C-alpha cells in the first residue's frame, strides 16, 4: 500500500491580518509547516497554530525563511551562509518554545520561499541549513526537492523527505519550473488531482516537455490560500484515499520506506 504524508504551510497570519484557512486545512493534514516570524506569523499566531496542531494530532515542523516580512520571504536577499545558518537556527528555536509549551516537538523543517528555492541550487546555503539542523536536533526531517539540499543531506546522513508539488510544472531533471516562467503553476483541478495520485501511486510525473520522470514522493504539499484551494485540497485527499493510499505521519512514511 502506498503511504504518504499530507503537509501544508500554516500560521502565516500576522497581527490583525489573516491568511489562509488553517482551521479547515488542519482537518486534512498529517503535518504542518509553521511560519516562524520571519516571513509571516507572530508569537500569538505561532502559539495558536501549535496548539491547534496538537489538538488535531498533526505533526509540527518549522518553516524558516529569509527575514522578509514585506516580501513574504519570496525576495532574493544577499545573506551570507552564516546568516542563513543563524537565522534558521533562531527560527527553529522560536517554534520549539511553543512546541515545548504544548507538549510536542518540532519534528521537521521545510525552508520557505526564496530560501527554499536557493537551497536546491546553492551548496553553501544547503550546508548552512544542514548546519542549523545538526546543531539543534539531527533527527529533524528536512523537507526538500532534489538538488543541493538533498545531496548535502545524503552526505551527512540527515533525515530527508521528498515533497511532491502537483500544481507546479516540472523540468525534465525533476526540478520545479521557475515561478517567473509561464505555466509554472497549474490551475486545472482535474490535472492537479490526477498528477498527485500518479505521483504517489506510480512514482512518476509528466514534465512540461511531456516526459514522464521518476519522482520520490514522501509528502504531498497542499495549499489553503485562494478561493478554490481548500476544495482542491479536500479533493486530493479523497482521491488519494480512494486510490488505496495510506495517509500517515512523516515518521511512519520514512519508516515504511526503510522497511
Protein backbone atom coordinates (compact mmCIF):
# COMPACT_ATOMS: atom_id res chain seq x y z
CA UNK A 1 0.00 0.00 0.00
CA UNK A 2 1.44 3.42 -0.94
CA UNK A 3 1.94 5.69 2.06
CA UNK A 4 2.31 9.47 2.07
CA UNK A 5 2.23 12.48 4.39
CA UNK A 6 -0.03 15.46 3.64
CA UNK A 7 1.56 18.78 4.57
CA UNK A 8 0.67 22.46 4.18
CA UNK A 9 2.00 25.84 5.27
CA UNK A 10 0.17 27.17 8.33
CA UNK A 11 0.43 30.04 10.79
CA UNK A 12 1.00 32.67 8.10
CA UNK A 13 -1.36 35.25 9.56
CA UNK A 14 0.20 38.29 11.21
CA UNK A 15 -1.29 40.63 13.82
CA UNK A 16 -4.70 41.77 12.61
CA UNK A 17 -4.20 40.18 9.18
CA UNK A 18 -5.48 36.68 8.46
CA UNK A 19 -4.07 34.48 5.70
CA UNK A 20 -5.35 31.06 4.71
CA UNK A 21 -7.99 28.85 6.30
CA UNK A 22 -5.90 26.99 8.83
CA UNK A 23 -8.80 25.59 10.85
CA UNK A 24 -10.33 23.77 7.87
CA UNK A 25 -6.99 22.79 6.34
CA UNK A 26 -5.89 21.15 9.59
CA UNK A 27 -8.69 18.61 9.18
CA UNK A 28 -6.93 17.30 6.06
CA UNK A 29 -3.29 17.19 7.15
CA UNK A 30 -0.87 14.85 8.84
CA UNK A 31 1.91 17.51 9.09
CA UNK A 32 2.16 21.30 9.12
CA UNK A 33 4.93 23.73 8.19
CA UNK A 34 4.54 26.55 10.73
CA UNK A 35 5.80 30.05 9.91
CA UNK A 36 8.37 31.23 12.45
CA UNK A 37 8.01 35.01 12.27
CA UNK A 38 10.46 35.94 9.54
CA UNK A 39 8.11 35.85 6.53
CA UNK A 40 4.82 35.55 8.41
CA UNK A 41 3.42 34.61 11.77
CA UNK A 42 3.92 36.22 15.17
CA UNK A 43 4.10 34.86 18.73
CA UNK A 44 0.30 34.74 19.14
CA UNK A 45 -0.20 33.08 15.78
CA UNK A 46 2.58 30.56 16.42
CA UNK A 47 1.12 29.71 19.84
CA UNK A 48 -2.40 29.21 18.45
CA UNK A 49 -1.16 27.21 15.46
CA UNK A 50 0.89 24.79 17.53
CA UNK A 51 -1.99 24.35 19.95
CA UNK A 52 -4.36 23.56 17.08
CA UNK A 53 -1.89 21.07 15.58
CA UNK A 54 -1.61 19.23 18.91
CA UNK A 55 -5.41 19.10 19.25
CA UNK A 56 -5.71 17.56 15.77
CA UNK A 57 -2.74 15.21 16.10
CA UNK A 58 -0.87 16.97 13.28
CA UNK A 59 2.94 16.93 13.27
CA UNK A 60 4.63 20.31 13.70
CA UNK A 61 7.54 21.48 11.55
CA UNK A 62 9.46 24.74 11.24
CA UNK A 63 9.05 26.85 8.10
CA UNK A 64 12.04 29.23 8.27
CA UNK A 65 12.70 31.90 5.68
CA UNK A 66 14.74 34.94 4.86
CA UNK A 67 13.96 37.91 7.17
CA UNK A 68 11.45 39.36 4.69
CA UNK A 69 8.03 40.14 6.15
CA UNK A 70 7.25 42.70 3.45
CA UNK A 71 8.03 40.30 0.62
CA UNK A 72 6.60 37.21 2.34
CA UNK A 73 10.02 35.58 2.14
CA UNK A 74 9.91 35.40 -1.64
CA UNK A 75 12.51 38.05 -2.48
CA UNK A 76 16.19 37.42 -3.11
CA UNK A 77 18.40 38.59 -0.25
CA UNK A 78 22.19 38.62 -0.29
CA UNK A 79 22.75 36.80 3.00
CA UNK A 80 25.98 35.10 3.95
CA UNK A 81 25.84 31.37 4.69
CA UNK A 82 26.44 32.12 8.37
CA UNK A 83 23.47 34.50 8.38
CA UNK A 84 21.36 31.73 6.86
CA UNK A 85 22.56 29.26 9.48
CA UNK A 86 21.87 31.53 12.44
CA UNK A 87 18.55 32.80 11.06
CA UNK A 88 17.32 29.24 10.55
CA UNK A 89 18.54 28.16 13.99
CA UNK A 90 16.83 31.20 15.57
CA UNK A 91 13.51 30.38 13.91
CA UNK A 92 13.58 26.70 14.88
CA UNK A 93 14.29 27.76 18.45
CA UNK A 94 11.36 30.18 18.48
CA UNK A 95 8.95 27.49 17.30
CA UNK A 96 10.45 24.97 19.73
CA UNK A 97 9.46 27.20 22.65
CA UNK A 98 5.81 26.83 21.66
CA UNK A 99 6.01 23.11 20.91
CA UNK A 100 7.52 22.55 24.34
CA UNK A 101 4.78 24.64 25.95
CA UNK A 102 2.15 22.47 24.25
CA UNK A 103 3.76 19.12 24.95
CA UNK A 104 5.05 18.28 21.48
CA UNK A 105 8.24 18.82 19.48
CA UNK A 106 9.50 20.25 16.21
CA UNK A 107 9.68 17.18 14.00
CA UNK A 108 10.71 18.55 10.64
CA UNK A 109 11.94 21.61 8.80
CA UNK A 110 10.88 22.99 5.41
CA UNK A 111 12.73 26.07 4.08
CA UNK A 112 10.24 28.64 2.79
CA UNK A 113 10.03 30.73 -0.35
CA UNK A 114 13.24 32.09 -1.83
CA UNK A 115 15.34 30.27 0.75
CA UNK A 116 13.63 27.03 -0.22
CA UNK A 117 14.43 27.69 -3.88
CA UNK A 118 18.06 28.57 -3.25
CA UNK A 119 18.93 25.53 -1.13
CA UNK A 120 18.16 23.49 -4.24
CA UNK A 121 20.84 25.28 -6.27
CA UNK A 122 23.29 26.81 -3.77
CA UNK A 123 25.57 24.40 -1.96
CA UNK A 124 26.60 26.97 0.64
CA UNK A 125 23.00 27.69 1.64
CA UNK A 126 22.17 23.98 1.75
CA UNK A 127 25.13 23.40 4.06
CA UNK A 128 24.05 26.32 6.24
CA UNK A 129 20.58 24.81 6.71
CA UNK A 130 22.14 21.40 7.42
CA UNK A 131 24.45 23.01 10.00
CA UNK A 132 21.46 24.56 11.77
CA UNK A 133 19.60 21.25 11.83
CA UNK A 134 22.62 19.37 13.16
CA UNK A 135 23.13 21.98 15.86
CA UNK A 136 19.51 21.90 17.00
CA UNK A 137 18.44 18.28 16.50
CA UNK A 138 19.99 15.95 13.89
CA UNK A 139 16.84 13.80 13.97
CA UNK A 140 14.77 16.55 12.32
CA UNK A 141 13.39 15.58 8.91
CA UNK A 142 14.23 18.11 6.19
CA UNK A 143 11.55 18.53 3.51
CA UNK A 144 13.02 19.19 0.07
CA UNK A 145 13.18 18.64 -3.66
CA UNK A 146 16.13 17.11 -5.48
CA UNK A 147 19.20 19.33 -5.66
CA UNK A 148 21.98 20.57 -3.39
CA UNK A 149 19.96 20.24 -0.18
CA UNK A 150 19.26 16.59 -0.96
CA UNK A 151 22.91 15.96 -1.81
CA UNK A 152 24.12 17.51 1.46
CA UNK A 153 21.53 15.60 3.49
CA UNK A 154 22.60 12.31 1.94
CA UNK A 155 26.30 13.03 2.54
CA UNK A 156 25.69 13.84 6.20
CA UNK A 157 23.17 11.10 6.85
CA UNK A 158 20.41 13.55 7.74
CA UNK A 159 16.78 12.51 7.55
CA UNK A 160 15.02 13.79 4.47
CA UNK A 161 11.58 13.67 2.88
CA UNK A 162 10.90 14.49 -0.76
CA UNK A 163 7.98 16.84 -1.36
CA UNK A 164 5.63 16.41 -4.29
CA UNK A 165 4.03 19.62 -5.53
CA UNK A 166 1.50 18.57 -8.13
CA UNK A 167 0.27 22.07 -9.00
CA UNK A 168 3.74 23.06 -10.17
CA UNK A 169 5.30 22.25 -13.53
CA UNK A 170 8.48 20.15 -13.50
CA UNK A 171 11.57 20.27 -15.68
CA UNK A 172 12.97 17.08 -17.22
CA UNK A 173 15.59 16.89 -14.45
CA UNK A 174 12.94 16.77 -11.73
CA UNK A 175 13.32 20.38 -10.55
CA UNK A 176 10.43 22.83 -10.44
CA UNK A 177 9.86 25.28 -13.27
CA UNK A 178 10.60 28.80 -12.01
CA UNK A 179 7.52 30.78 -10.98
CA UNK A 180 8.76 33.56 -13.27
CA UNK A 181 8.04 31.42 -16.33
CA UNK A 182 4.61 30.97 -17.96
CA UNK A 183 2.85 27.76 -16.99
CA UNK A 184 4.90 27.25 -13.82
CA UNK A 185 1.74 26.97 -11.71
CA UNK A 186 -1.08 24.65 -12.80
CA UNK A 187 -4.68 25.67 -12.15
CA UNK A 188 -6.84 22.88 -13.62
CA UNK A 189 -8.11 20.90 -10.58
CA UNK A 190 -8.59 17.73 -12.64
CA UNK A 191 -5.00 17.86 -13.85
CA UNK A 192 -3.58 18.65 -10.42
CA UNK A 193 -5.50 15.83 -8.76
CA UNK A 194 -4.56 13.33 -11.45
CA UNK A 195 -0.88 14.30 -11.24
CA UNK A 196 -0.92 13.96 -7.45
CA UNK A 197 -2.37 10.46 -7.45
CA UNK A 198 0.03 9.32 -10.17
CA UNK A 199 2.99 10.85 -8.37
CA UNK A 200 2.19 8.91 -5.21
CA UNK A 201 0.95 5.60 -6.63
CA UNK A 202 3.24 5.26 -9.68
CA UNK A 203 6.23 7.40 -8.67
CA UNK A 204 6.20 9.43 -11.89
CA UNK A 205 5.15 12.88 -13.04
CA UNK A 206 5.00 14.37 -16.52
CA UNK A 207 7.43 17.24 -17.15
CA UNK A 208 6.41 20.36 -19.04
CA UNK A 209 8.05 18.82 -22.11
CA UNK A 210 5.82 15.75 -21.90
CA UNK A 211 8.42 13.39 -20.48
CA UNK A 212 7.46 11.02 -17.66
CA UNK A 213 10.12 11.37 -14.98
CA UNK A 214 10.58 9.32 -11.80
CA UNK A 215 9.89 11.15 -8.54
CA UNK A 216 10.04 10.03 -4.94
CA UNK A 217 7.11 11.49 -3.02
CA UNK A 218 7.18 11.16 0.76
CA UNK A 219 4.78 14.05 1.32
CA UNK A 220 2.31 15.98 -0.80
CA UNK A 221 2.15 19.76 -0.46
CA UNK A 222 -1.41 21.06 -0.12
CA UNK A 223 -2.50 24.71 -0.19
CA UNK A 224 -5.15 26.56 1.79
CA UNK A 225 -4.95 30.05 0.29
CA UNK A 226 -7.03 31.11 -2.69
CA UNK A 227 -10.77 30.80 -3.35
CA UNK A 228 -10.72 27.16 -4.53
CA UNK A 229 -7.63 25.91 -2.68
CA UNK A 230 -9.42 24.23 0.21
CA UNK A 231 -11.84 22.47 -2.14
CA UNK A 232 -8.91 21.18 -4.20
CA UNK A 233 -7.03 20.03 -1.10
CA UNK A 234 -10.10 18.13 0.06
CA UNK A 235 -10.46 16.52 -3.35
CA UNK A 236 -6.79 15.49 -3.48
CA UNK A 237 -7.02 13.84 -0.06
CA UNK A 238 -10.17 12.00 -1.10
CA UNK A 239 -8.72 10.78 -4.41
CA UNK A 240 -5.56 9.55 -2.71
CA UNK A 241 -7.55 7.52 -0.22
CA UNK A 242 -9.77 6.17 -3.00
CA UNK A 243 -6.61 5.02 -4.77
CA UNK A 244 -5.62 2.98 -1.71
CA UNK A 245 -3.01 5.40 -0.37
CA UNK A 246 -2.42 5.35 3.40
CA UNK A 247 -2.08 8.84 4.89
CA UNK A 248 0.47 8.88 7.69
CA UNK A 249 2.95 10.95 9.68
CA UNK A 250 6.41 11.65 8.33
CA UNK A 251 7.96 9.22 10.78
CA UNK A 252 5.62 6.45 9.60
CA UNK A 253 6.25 7.27 5.94
CA UNK A 254 10.02 7.20 6.35
CA UNK A 255 9.80 4.04 8.43
CA UNK A 256 7.84 2.36 5.65
CA UNK A 257 10.45 3.47 3.10
CA UNK A 258 13.22 1.94 5.21
CA UNK A 259 11.40 -1.36 5.79
